[in-house]
Amino acid sequence: MNKLLSLLIILNFTTIHMNGAEQVLTSFETSGQKITDWQIVDDGVMGGLSKGKFNISDDKKLKFSGNLSLENNGGFSSIRSKRTTMDLSQFKGIKMRVKGDGRKYKLRLESDSRYRRMAVSFQHEFSTSKDGWSEVFIPFDKLKASFRGWNLPGMKFNSKSIQRVGLIIADKIEGPFELHVDWIKAI
């Protein structure tokens, strides 16, 4: 009877664990991460003057900061991972632990969708608080497709083929920005 009870407890725990499953995509460690090798892409690619930068602190947190400028038709700064291939179809969305500056940012994902043979960006906005860390959940079904700022309502996000992860600030407010990220998970 004890073996049967033990087996039922293990099966019940496994079911609960699978229903609440999560996968760490990055906690900004140097190895074993799904998302690595970050890079900045600012509006300078189209003549803007915004400047972003990032660093990973000794306690393994990403700091994305800089200055947003609206001059020369600018207005965005972003940080993006290198290209990857992730199948997150068993998950509902992305959860992040962030600390910000009170401004709005967007999570930015690329899948296998293309527009004019170039990657479509699937984004969702989230708010930050100056008061401390908070957890943000972004469901895949809330992501909106865009290409270079144009909305593409007909495009579908494919969570089975995620190819890049990023964050962007484009809130049309000039001045300094700062976002800290502790981790990014698939939930």
N, C-alpha and C. Protein backbone atom coordinates (compact mmCIF):
# COMPACT_ATOMS: atom_id res chain seq x y z
N MET A 1 0.82 -1.19 0.00
CA MET A 1 0.00 0.00 0.00
C MET A 1 0.87 1.27 0.00
N ASN A 2 2.00 1.25 0.69
CA ASN A 2 2.88 2.40 0.73
C ASN A 2 3.46 2.72 -0.65
N LYS A 3 3.77 1.67 -1.43
CA LYS A 3 4.29 1.90 -2.78
C LYS A 3 3.24 2.54 -3.67
N LEU A 4 2.00 2.10 -3.55
CA LEU A 4 0.91 2.67 -4.34
C LEU A 4 0.70 4.13 -3.95
N LEU A 5 0.67 4.42 -2.67
CA LEU A 5 0.51 5.78 -2.19
C LEU A 5 1.67 6.66 -2.66
N SER A 6 2.89 6.14 -2.58
CA SER A 6 4.05 6.90 -3.07
C SER A 6 3.94 7.19 -4.55
N LEU A 7 3.51 6.18 -5.33
CA LEU A 7 3.35 6.38 -6.77
C LEU A 7 2.29 7.43 -7.07
N LEU A 8 1.18 7.41 -6.34
CA LEU A 8 0.12 8.40 -6.54
C LEU A 8 0.61 9.80 -6.19
N ILE A 9 1.38 9.92 -5.13
CA ILE A 9 1.92 11.23 -4.75
C ILE A 9 2.88 11.73 -5.83
N ILE A 10 3.74 10.86 -6.34
CA ILE A 10 4.68 11.25 -7.40
C ILE A 10 3.92 11.67 -8.66
N LEU A 11 2.90 10.90 -9.05
CA LEU A 11 2.11 11.25 -10.24
C LEU A 11 1.38 12.57 -10.05
N ASN A 12 0.83 12.79 -8.86
CA ASN A 12 0.14 14.04 -8.58
C ASN A 12 1.11 15.21 -8.63
N PHE A 13 2.30 15.08 -8.03
CA PHE A 13 3.30 16.14 -8.07
C PHE A 13 3.73 16.43 -9.50
N THR A 14 3.92 15.37 -10.30
CA THR A 14 4.32 15.54 -11.70
C THR A 14 3.25 16.30 -12.47
N THR A 15 1.99 15.97 -12.25
CA THR A 15 0.89 16.66 -12.94
C THR A 15 0.85 18.13 -12.55
N ILE A 16 0.97 18.40 -11.25
CA ILE A 16 0.97 19.80 -10.79
C ILE A 16 2.17 20.54 -11.39
N HIS A 17 3.34 19.92 -11.37
CA HIS A 17 4.55 20.55 -11.91
C HIS A 17 4.40 20.83 -13.40
N MET A 18 3.85 19.90 -14.16
CA MET A 18 3.71 20.08 -15.61
C MET A 18 2.69 21.18 -15.92
N ASN A 19 1.60 21.26 -15.15
CA ASN A 19 0.59 22.30 -15.39
C ASN A 19 1.15 23.68 -15.07
N GLY A 20 2.07 23.77 -14.15
CA GLY A 20 2.69 25.04 -13.79
C GLY A 20 4.08 25.14 -14.36
N ALA A 21 4.33 24.48 -15.48
CA ALA A 21 5.67 24.38 -16.02
C ALA A 21 6.21 25.74 -16.45
N GLU A 22 7.49 25.89 -16.26
CA GLU A 22 8.18 27.07 -16.75
C GLU A 22 9.57 26.66 -17.17
N GLN A 23 10.12 27.45 -18.06
CA GLN A 23 11.48 27.19 -18.54
C GLN A 23 12.24 28.51 -18.53
N VAL A 24 13.36 28.54 -17.84
CA VAL A 24 14.19 29.74 -17.83
C VAL A 24 14.85 29.87 -19.19
N LEU A 25 14.60 30.99 -19.85
CA LEU A 25 15.23 31.26 -21.14
C LEU A 25 16.56 31.96 -20.95
N THR A 26 16.61 32.87 -19.98
CA THR A 26 17.88 33.46 -19.59
C THR A 26 17.76 34.04 -18.18
N SER A 27 18.83 33.86 -17.45
CA SER A 27 18.99 34.54 -16.17
C SER A 27 20.32 35.29 -16.21
N PHE A 28 20.78 35.52 -17.45
CA PHE A 28 21.97 36.30 -17.76
C PHE A 28 23.25 35.69 -17.20
N GLU A 29 23.26 34.38 -17.17
CA GLU A 29 24.47 33.64 -16.85
C GLU A 29 25.30 33.56 -18.13
N THR A 30 26.48 33.00 -18.04
CA THR A 30 27.34 32.94 -19.22
C THR A 30 27.17 31.66 -20.02
N SER A 31 26.56 30.63 -19.44
CA SER A 31 26.42 29.39 -20.19
C SER A 31 25.09 28.72 -19.87
N GLY A 32 24.66 27.83 -20.75
CA GLY A 32 23.45 27.06 -20.53
C GLY A 32 22.17 27.84 -20.72
N GLN A 33 22.23 28.98 -21.35
CA GLN A 33 21.06 29.82 -21.55
C GLN A 33 20.49 29.64 -22.95
N LYS A 34 19.17 29.79 -23.09
CA LYS A 34 18.53 29.71 -24.39
C LYS A 34 18.74 31.01 -25.18
N ILE A 35 18.84 32.12 -24.46
CA ILE A 35 18.99 33.42 -25.10
C ILE A 35 20.35 33.99 -24.69
N THR A 36 21.18 34.34 -25.68
CA THR A 36 22.53 34.83 -25.38
C THR A 36 22.93 35.93 -26.36
N ASP A 37 24.11 36.47 -26.12
CA ASP A 37 24.76 37.42 -27.04
C ASP A 37 23.84 38.56 -27.44
N TRP A 38 23.65 39.47 -26.53
CA TRP A 38 22.77 40.61 -26.74
C TRP A 38 23.46 41.70 -27.56
N GLN A 39 22.65 42.48 -28.28
CA GLN A 39 23.18 43.61 -29.04
C GLN A 39 22.16 44.75 -29.01
N ILE A 40 22.65 45.95 -29.14
CA ILE A 40 21.80 47.15 -29.18
C ILE A 40 21.51 47.49 -30.64
N VAL A 41 20.25 47.84 -30.91
CA VAL A 41 19.86 48.40 -32.20
C VAL A 41 19.06 49.66 -31.89
N ASP A 42 19.60 50.81 -32.29
CA ASP A 42 18.95 52.10 -32.06
C ASP A 42 18.39 52.65 -33.36
N ASP A 43 17.67 53.77 -33.22
CA ASP A 43 17.06 54.41 -34.38
C ASP A 43 18.09 55.03 -35.32
N GLY A 44 19.36 54.95 -34.99
CA GLY A 44 20.42 55.42 -35.89
C GLY A 44 20.40 54.69 -37.22
N VAL A 45 19.81 53.50 -37.26
CA VAL A 45 19.69 52.76 -38.52
C VAL A 45 18.81 53.51 -39.51
N MET A 46 18.04 54.51 -39.02
CA MET A 46 17.19 55.31 -39.91
C MET A 46 17.44 56.81 -39.71
N GLY A 47 18.59 57.14 -39.13
CA GLY A 47 18.97 58.54 -38.98
C GLY A 47 18.71 59.15 -37.62
N GLY A 48 18.09 58.42 -36.71
CA GLY A 48 17.79 58.94 -35.37
C GLY A 48 19.03 59.07 -34.51
N LEU A 49 18.84 59.70 -33.33
CA LEU A 49 19.97 59.99 -32.45
C LEU A 49 19.87 59.32 -31.08
N SER A 50 18.94 58.39 -30.90
CA SER A 50 18.83 57.69 -29.62
C SER A 50 20.06 56.82 -29.41
N LYS A 51 20.42 56.65 -28.14
CA LYS A 51 21.60 55.85 -27.80
C LYS A 51 21.26 54.92 -26.64
N GLY A 52 21.38 53.63 -26.89
CA GLY A 52 21.17 52.63 -25.85
C GLY A 52 22.47 51.91 -25.55
N LYS A 53 22.53 51.31 -24.38
CA LYS A 53 23.68 50.49 -24.00
C LYS A 53 23.17 49.44 -23.02
N PHE A 54 24.00 48.44 -22.78
CA PHE A 54 23.62 47.43 -21.79
C PHE A 54 24.86 46.88 -21.12
N ASN A 55 24.65 46.32 -19.96
CA ASN A 55 25.67 45.55 -19.29
C ASN A 55 24.99 44.50 -18.42
N ILE A 56 25.74 43.48 -18.09
CA ILE A 56 25.25 42.45 -17.18
C ILE A 56 26.07 42.57 -15.92
N SER A 57 25.38 42.83 -14.82
CA SER A 57 26.05 43.11 -13.55
C SER A 57 26.66 41.85 -12.95
N ASP A 58 27.45 42.05 -11.91
CA ASP A 58 28.08 40.92 -11.22
C ASP A 58 27.04 39.98 -10.62
N ASP A 59 25.86 40.52 -10.26
CA ASP A 59 24.81 39.66 -9.71
C ASP A 59 23.86 39.13 -10.80
N LYS A 60 24.33 39.15 -12.06
CA LYS A 60 23.66 38.52 -13.21
C LYS A 60 22.29 39.13 -13.53
N LYS A 61 22.27 40.46 -13.61
CA LYS A 61 21.06 41.17 -14.03
C LYS A 61 21.42 42.05 -15.22
N LEU A 62 20.51 42.08 -16.18
CA LEU A 62 20.71 42.92 -17.37
C LEU A 62 20.28 44.34 -17.04
N LYS A 63 21.10 45.30 -17.42
CA LYS A 63 20.74 46.72 -17.32
C LYS A 63 20.76 47.27 -18.74
N PHE A 64 19.58 47.69 -19.23
CA PHE A 64 19.41 48.30 -20.54
C PHE A 64 19.08 49.76 -20.28
N SER A 65 19.94 50.67 -20.73
CA SER A 65 19.75 52.08 -20.42
C SER A 65 20.24 52.94 -21.59
N GLY A 66 19.96 54.22 -21.49
CA GLY A 66 20.41 55.14 -22.52
C GLY A 66 19.58 56.39 -22.56
N ASN A 67 19.52 57.00 -23.74
CA ASN A 67 18.77 58.23 -23.93
C ASN A 67 17.94 58.13 -25.20
N LEU A 68 16.65 58.39 -25.08
CA LEU A 68 15.75 58.35 -26.24
C LEU A 68 15.64 59.76 -26.83
N SER A 69 15.84 59.86 -28.13
CA SER A 69 15.75 61.13 -28.84
C SER A 69 14.71 61.02 -29.95
N LEU A 70 13.95 62.09 -30.15
CA LEU A 70 12.97 62.13 -31.24
C LEU A 70 13.50 62.91 -32.44
N GLU A 71 14.73 63.41 -32.34
CA GLU A 71 15.33 64.17 -33.44
C GLU A 71 15.58 63.28 -34.64
N ASN A 72 15.55 63.89 -35.83
CA ASN A 72 15.81 63.20 -37.10
C ASN A 72 14.89 61.99 -37.31
N ASN A 73 13.63 62.14 -36.90
CA ASN A 73 12.63 61.06 -37.04
C ASN A 73 13.00 59.82 -36.24
N GLY A 74 13.74 60.00 -35.16
CA GLY A 74 14.12 58.88 -34.30
C GLY A 74 13.03 58.57 -33.29
N GLY A 75 13.40 57.75 -32.31
CA GLY A 75 12.45 57.49 -31.25
C GLY A 75 12.44 56.07 -30.72
N PHE A 76 13.50 55.29 -30.97
CA PHE A 76 13.54 53.97 -30.34
C PHE A 76 14.96 53.53 -30.03
N SER A 77 15.04 52.68 -29.03
CA SER A 77 16.26 51.98 -28.70
C SER A 77 15.85 50.57 -28.31
N SER A 78 16.62 49.59 -28.74
CA SER A 78 16.25 48.20 -28.45
C SER A 78 17.48 47.37 -28.12
N ILE A 79 17.23 46.29 -27.45
CA ILE A 79 18.24 45.28 -27.18
C ILE A 79 17.67 43.96 -27.68
N ARG A 80 18.50 43.20 -28.40
CA ARG A 80 18.04 41.96 -29.03
C ARG A 80 19.06 40.85 -28.81
N SER A 81 18.54 39.64 -28.71
CA SER A 81 19.42 38.48 -28.61
C SER A 81 19.93 38.11 -30.00
N LYS A 82 20.95 37.29 -30.01
CA LYS A 82 21.37 36.76 -31.30
C LYS A 82 20.28 35.79 -31.78
N ARG A 83 20.35 35.42 -33.04
CA ARG A 83 19.37 34.48 -33.59
C ARG A 83 19.48 33.15 -32.87
N THR A 84 18.34 32.55 -32.65
CA THR A 84 18.24 31.27 -31.96
C THR A 84 17.10 30.48 -32.57
N THR A 85 16.87 29.31 -32.09
CA THR A 85 15.70 28.52 -32.48
C THR A 85 15.12 27.90 -31.22
N MET A 86 13.89 28.33 -30.88
CA MET A 86 13.24 27.81 -29.69
C MET A 86 11.81 27.40 -30.03
N ASP A 87 11.42 26.24 -29.57
CA ASP A 87 10.03 25.78 -29.66
C ASP A 87 9.40 25.98 -28.29
N LEU A 88 8.57 27.00 -28.17
CA LEU A 88 7.90 27.29 -26.91
C LEU A 88 6.40 27.05 -27.03
N SER A 89 6.01 26.17 -27.95
CA SER A 89 4.58 25.92 -28.20
C SER A 89 3.87 25.27 -27.01
N GLN A 90 4.60 24.70 -26.08
CA GLN A 90 3.96 24.10 -24.90
C GLN A 90 3.69 25.12 -23.81
N PHE A 91 4.07 26.38 -24.05
CA PHE A 91 3.90 27.43 -23.07
C PHE A 91 2.85 28.45 -23.54
N LYS A 92 2.36 29.25 -22.59
CA LYS A 92 1.33 30.26 -22.87
C LYS A 92 1.91 31.64 -23.15
N GLY A 93 3.14 31.89 -22.67
CA GLY A 93 3.71 33.21 -22.86
C GLY A 93 5.05 33.37 -22.17
N ILE A 94 5.46 34.63 -22.04
CA ILE A 94 6.75 34.99 -21.46
C ILE A 94 6.51 35.75 -20.16
N LYS A 95 7.32 35.40 -19.16
CA LYS A 95 7.28 36.10 -17.88
C LYS A 95 8.67 36.65 -17.62
N MET A 96 8.72 37.90 -17.15
CA MET A 96 9.99 38.55 -16.85
C MET A 96 9.93 39.20 -15.48
N ARG A 97 11.06 39.24 -14.82
CA ARG A 97 11.17 40.00 -13.57
C ARG A 97 11.96 41.25 -13.92
N VAL A 98 11.32 42.42 -13.76
CA VAL A 98 11.90 43.68 -14.21
C VAL A 98 11.82 44.75 -13.14
N LYS A 99 12.72 45.71 -13.25
CA LYS A 99 12.67 46.93 -12.45
C LYS A 99 12.96 48.06 -13.42
N GLY A 100 12.07 49.03 -13.48
CA GLY A 100 12.22 50.07 -14.49
C GLY A 100 12.28 51.46 -13.91
N ASP A 101 11.85 52.38 -14.74
CA ASP A 101 11.91 53.80 -14.43
C ASP A 101 10.54 54.46 -14.54
N GLY A 102 9.48 53.66 -14.58
CA GLY A 102 8.13 54.18 -14.73
C GLY A 102 7.69 54.34 -16.18
N ARG A 103 8.58 54.05 -17.11
CA ARG A 103 8.24 54.17 -18.53
C ARG A 103 7.71 52.85 -19.06
N LYS A 104 7.19 52.91 -20.30
CA LYS A 104 6.65 51.72 -20.95
C LYS A 104 7.67 51.16 -21.94
N TYR A 105 7.79 49.85 -21.93
CA TYR A 105 8.68 49.12 -22.81
C TYR A 105 7.85 48.06 -23.54
N LYS A 106 8.45 47.40 -24.49
CA LYS A 106 7.77 46.30 -25.19
C LYS A 106 8.69 45.09 -25.23
N LEU A 107 8.09 43.93 -25.00
CA LEU A 107 8.77 42.68 -25.31
C LEU A 107 8.64 42.51 -26.81
N ARG A 108 9.70 42.03 -27.43
CA ARG A 108 9.74 41.90 -28.89
C ARG A 108 10.24 40.50 -29.23
N LEU A 109 9.42 39.72 -29.94
CA LEU A 109 9.78 38.36 -30.35
C LEU A 109 9.71 38.25 -31.87
N GLU A 110 10.61 37.47 -32.42
CA GLU A 110 10.55 37.14 -33.85
C GLU A 110 10.32 35.65 -33.98
N SER A 111 9.46 35.28 -34.93
CA SER A 111 9.26 33.86 -35.24
C SER A 111 9.62 33.67 -36.71
N ASP A 112 9.02 32.71 -37.35
CA ASP A 112 9.34 32.46 -38.76
C ASP A 112 8.50 33.30 -39.72
N SER A 113 7.67 34.21 -39.22
CA SER A 113 6.87 35.09 -40.08
C SER A 113 7.77 36.09 -40.79
N ARG A 114 7.47 36.33 -42.07
CA ARG A 114 8.26 37.26 -42.88
C ARG A 114 7.34 38.24 -43.61
N TYR A 115 7.84 39.46 -43.77
CA TYR A 115 7.18 40.48 -44.56
C TYR A 115 8.27 41.07 -45.45
N ARG A 116 8.08 41.04 -46.74
CA ARG A 116 9.12 41.48 -47.68
C ARG A 116 10.44 40.75 -47.42
N ARG A 117 10.34 39.48 -47.11
CA ARG A 117 11.46 38.58 -46.84
C ARG A 117 12.26 38.94 -45.59
N MET A 118 11.70 39.80 -44.75
CA MET A 118 12.38 40.20 -43.52
C MET A 118 11.53 39.80 -42.31
N ALA A 119 12.19 39.64 -41.16
CA ALA A 119 11.51 39.18 -39.95
C ALA A 119 10.45 40.17 -39.48
N VAL A 120 9.32 39.62 -39.08
CA VAL A 120 8.24 40.39 -38.48
C VAL A 120 8.47 40.40 -36.97
N SER A 121 8.22 41.54 -36.35
CA SER A 121 8.36 41.68 -34.91
C SER A 121 6.98 41.53 -34.27
N PHE A 122 6.89 40.67 -33.25
CA PHE A 122 5.65 40.51 -32.48
C PHE A 122 5.90 41.13 -31.12
N GLN A 123 5.08 42.14 -30.77
CA GLN A 123 5.38 42.95 -29.59
C GLN A 123 4.16 43.07 -28.67
N HIS A 124 4.47 43.34 -27.40
CA HIS A 124 3.44 43.69 -26.44
C HIS A 124 4.05 44.63 -25.40
N GLU A 125 3.33 45.69 -25.12
CA GLU A 125 3.80 46.72 -24.20
C GLU A 125 3.59 46.31 -22.75
N PHE A 126 4.52 46.74 -21.89
CA PHE A 126 4.35 46.56 -20.46
C PHE A 126 4.87 47.80 -19.73
N SER A 127 4.30 48.06 -18.58
CA SER A 127 4.69 49.21 -17.76
C SER A 127 5.71 48.77 -16.72
N THR A 128 6.51 49.72 -16.29
CA THR A 128 7.48 49.45 -15.23
C THR A 128 7.22 50.38 -14.06
N SER A 129 7.78 50.01 -12.94
CA SER A 129 7.63 50.79 -11.72
C SER A 129 9.00 51.23 -11.23
N LYS A 130 9.08 52.44 -10.71
CA LYS A 130 10.32 52.92 -10.12
C LYS A 130 10.53 52.34 -8.72
N ASP A 131 9.46 51.79 -8.16
CA ASP A 131 9.47 51.38 -6.75
C ASP A 131 10.16 50.06 -6.47
N GLY A 132 10.42 49.26 -7.47
CA GLY A 132 11.08 47.99 -7.21
C GLY A 132 10.78 46.97 -8.29
N TRP A 133 11.15 45.75 -8.00
CA TRP A 133 10.99 44.65 -8.93
C TRP A 133 9.53 44.24 -9.06
N SER A 134 9.15 43.86 -10.27
CA SER A 134 7.82 43.31 -10.51
C SER A 134 7.93 42.23 -11.57
N GLU A 135 6.94 41.35 -11.59
CA GLU A 135 6.90 40.31 -12.61
C GLU A 135 5.84 40.67 -13.64
N VAL A 136 6.21 40.54 -14.89
CA VAL A 136 5.35 40.87 -16.02
C VAL A 136 5.10 39.60 -16.81
N PHE A 137 3.83 39.30 -17.09
CA PHE A 137 3.49 38.15 -17.93
C PHE A 137 2.89 38.65 -19.23
N ILE A 138 3.42 38.16 -20.35
CA ILE A 138 2.92 38.55 -21.67
C ILE A 138 2.49 37.28 -22.41
N PRO A 139 1.17 37.09 -22.55
CA PRO A 139 0.68 35.91 -23.27
C PRO A 139 0.99 36.00 -24.76
N PHE A 140 1.33 34.87 -25.35
CA PHE A 140 1.61 34.85 -26.78
C PHE A 140 0.44 35.36 -27.60
N ASP A 141 -0.79 35.09 -27.15
CA ASP A 141 -1.96 35.49 -27.94
C ASP A 141 -2.24 37.00 -27.88
N LYS A 142 -1.47 37.75 -27.09
CA LYS A 142 -1.62 39.21 -27.03
C LYS A 142 -0.58 39.94 -27.89
N LEU A 143 0.36 39.20 -28.46
CA LEU A 143 1.40 39.82 -29.27
C LEU A 143 0.81 40.37 -30.57
N LYS A 144 1.26 41.56 -30.96
CA LYS A 144 0.81 42.21 -32.18
C LYS A 144 1.98 42.29 -33.17
N ALA A 145 1.70 41.95 -34.41
CA ALA A 145 2.73 41.94 -35.45
C ALA A 145 3.00 43.34 -35.98
N SER A 146 4.29 43.62 -36.22
CA SER A 146 4.65 44.89 -36.84
C SER A 146 5.95 44.72 -37.63
N PHE A 147 6.15 45.62 -38.56
CA PHE A 147 7.36 45.65 -39.35
C PHE A 147 7.77 47.11 -39.50
N ARG A 148 8.90 47.45 -38.89
CA ARG A 148 9.41 48.83 -38.93
C ARG A 148 8.34 49.86 -38.55
N GLY A 149 7.57 49.52 -37.53
CA GLY A 149 6.55 50.43 -37.02
C GLY A 149 5.19 50.31 -37.68
N TRP A 150 5.08 49.56 -38.76
CA TRP A 150 3.77 49.36 -39.41
C TRP A 150 3.08 48.17 -38.77
N ASN A 151 1.79 48.32 -38.46
CA ASN A 151 1.02 47.19 -37.94
C ASN A 151 0.70 46.21 -39.06
N LEU A 152 0.82 44.93 -38.76
CA LEU A 152 0.53 43.87 -39.72
C LEU A 152 -0.49 42.91 -39.10
N PRO A 153 -1.77 43.30 -39.10
CA PRO A 153 -2.78 42.51 -38.38
C PRO A 153 -2.99 41.10 -38.93
N GLY A 154 -2.62 40.82 -40.14
CA GLY A 154 -2.84 39.49 -40.71
C GLY A 154 -1.79 38.46 -40.34
N MET A 155 -0.69 38.88 -39.76
CA MET A 155 0.41 37.96 -39.43
C MET A 155 0.11 37.19 -38.15
N LYS A 156 0.53 35.94 -38.13
CA LYS A 156 0.33 35.07 -36.97
C LYS A 156 1.67 34.72 -36.33
N PHE A 157 1.69 34.80 -35.01
CA PHE A 157 2.88 34.45 -34.25
C PHE A 157 2.97 32.93 -34.12
N ASN A 158 4.15 32.39 -34.35
CA ASN A 158 4.38 30.95 -34.27
C ASN A 158 5.31 30.67 -33.08
N SER A 159 4.73 30.24 -31.96
CA SER A 159 5.54 29.98 -30.76
C SER A 159 6.39 28.71 -30.90
N LYS A 160 6.18 27.98 -31.97
CA LYS A 160 6.99 26.78 -32.23
C LYS A 160 8.34 27.14 -32.86
N SER A 161 8.46 28.38 -33.37
CA SER A 161 9.68 28.77 -34.07
C SER A 161 10.10 30.19 -33.68
N ILE A 162 10.48 30.37 -32.42
CA ILE A 162 10.94 31.68 -31.97
C ILE A 162 12.42 31.81 -32.32
N GLN A 163 12.75 32.92 -32.98
CA GLN A 163 14.10 33.07 -33.51
C GLN A 163 14.90 34.22 -32.88
N ARG A 164 14.21 35.09 -32.15
CA ARG A 164 14.92 36.19 -31.48
C ARG A 164 14.01 36.77 -30.40
N VAL A 165 14.66 37.25 -29.32
CA VAL A 165 13.96 37.87 -28.21
C VAL A 165 14.58 39.24 -27.99
N GLY A 166 13.75 40.23 -27.68
CA GLY A 166 14.29 41.55 -27.43
C GLY A 166 13.36 42.42 -26.61
N LEU A 167 13.87 43.58 -26.26
CA LEU A 167 13.12 44.61 -25.55
C LEU A 167 13.32 45.91 -26.31
N ILE A 168 12.29 46.73 -26.33
CA ILE A 168 12.38 47.99 -27.05
C ILE A 168 11.66 49.08 -26.25
N ILE A 169 12.21 50.29 -26.31
CA ILE A 169 11.53 51.45 -25.78
C ILE A 169 11.28 52.38 -26.96
N ALA A 170 10.03 52.76 -27.13
CA ALA A 170 9.62 53.65 -28.23
C ALA A 170 8.38 54.41 -27.79
N ASP A 171 8.43 54.98 -26.58
CA ASP A 171 7.24 55.62 -25.98
C ASP A 171 7.06 57.09 -26.35
N LYS A 172 7.87 57.59 -27.25
CA LYS A 172 7.80 58.97 -27.74
C LYS A 172 8.07 60.02 -26.64
N ILE A 173 8.83 59.62 -25.63
CA ILE A 173 9.22 60.54 -24.56
C ILE A 173 10.74 60.67 -24.59
N GLU A 174 11.22 61.87 -24.89
CA GLU A 174 12.66 62.09 -24.93
C GLU A 174 13.25 62.02 -23.53
N GLY A 175 14.49 61.56 -23.46
CA GLY A 175 15.19 61.56 -22.19
C GLY A 175 15.75 60.21 -21.81
N PRO A 176 16.37 60.16 -20.61
CA PRO A 176 17.02 58.93 -20.17
C PRO A 176 16.02 57.82 -19.87
N PHE A 177 16.48 56.59 -20.06
CA PHE A 177 15.67 55.41 -19.70
C PHE A 177 16.58 54.39 -19.05
N GLU A 178 15.96 53.51 -18.26
CA GLU A 178 16.73 52.46 -17.59
C GLU A 178 15.80 51.32 -17.20
N LEU A 179 16.13 50.13 -17.67
CA LEU A 179 15.35 48.93 -17.38
C LEU A 179 16.31 47.83 -16.92
N HIS A 180 15.99 47.22 -15.79
CA HIS A 180 16.76 46.08 -15.27
C HIS A 180 15.91 44.83 -15.45
N VAL A 181 16.55 43.73 -15.86
CA VAL A 181 15.86 42.46 -16.05
C VAL A 181 16.62 41.39 -15.27
N ASP A 182 15.91 40.71 -14.40
CA ASP A 182 16.50 39.65 -13.58
C ASP A 182 16.52 38.32 -14.35
N TRP A 183 15.38 37.98 -14.98
CA TRP A 183 15.28 36.75 -15.76
C TRP A 183 14.12 36.84 -16.74
N ILE A 184 14.16 35.96 -17.72
CA ILE A 184 13.08 35.81 -18.71
C ILE A 184 12.77 34.32 -18.77
N LYS A 185 11.48 33.99 -18.61
CA LYS A 185 11.03 32.60 -18.60
C LYS A 185 9.88 32.39 -19.56
N ALA A 186 9.75 31.18 -20.05
CA ALA A 186 8.54 30.75 -20.75
C ALA A 186 7.65 30.11 -19.71
N ILE A 187 6.38 30.48 -19.68
CA ILE A 187 5.42 29.98 -18.68
C ILE A 187 4.28 29.26 -19.39
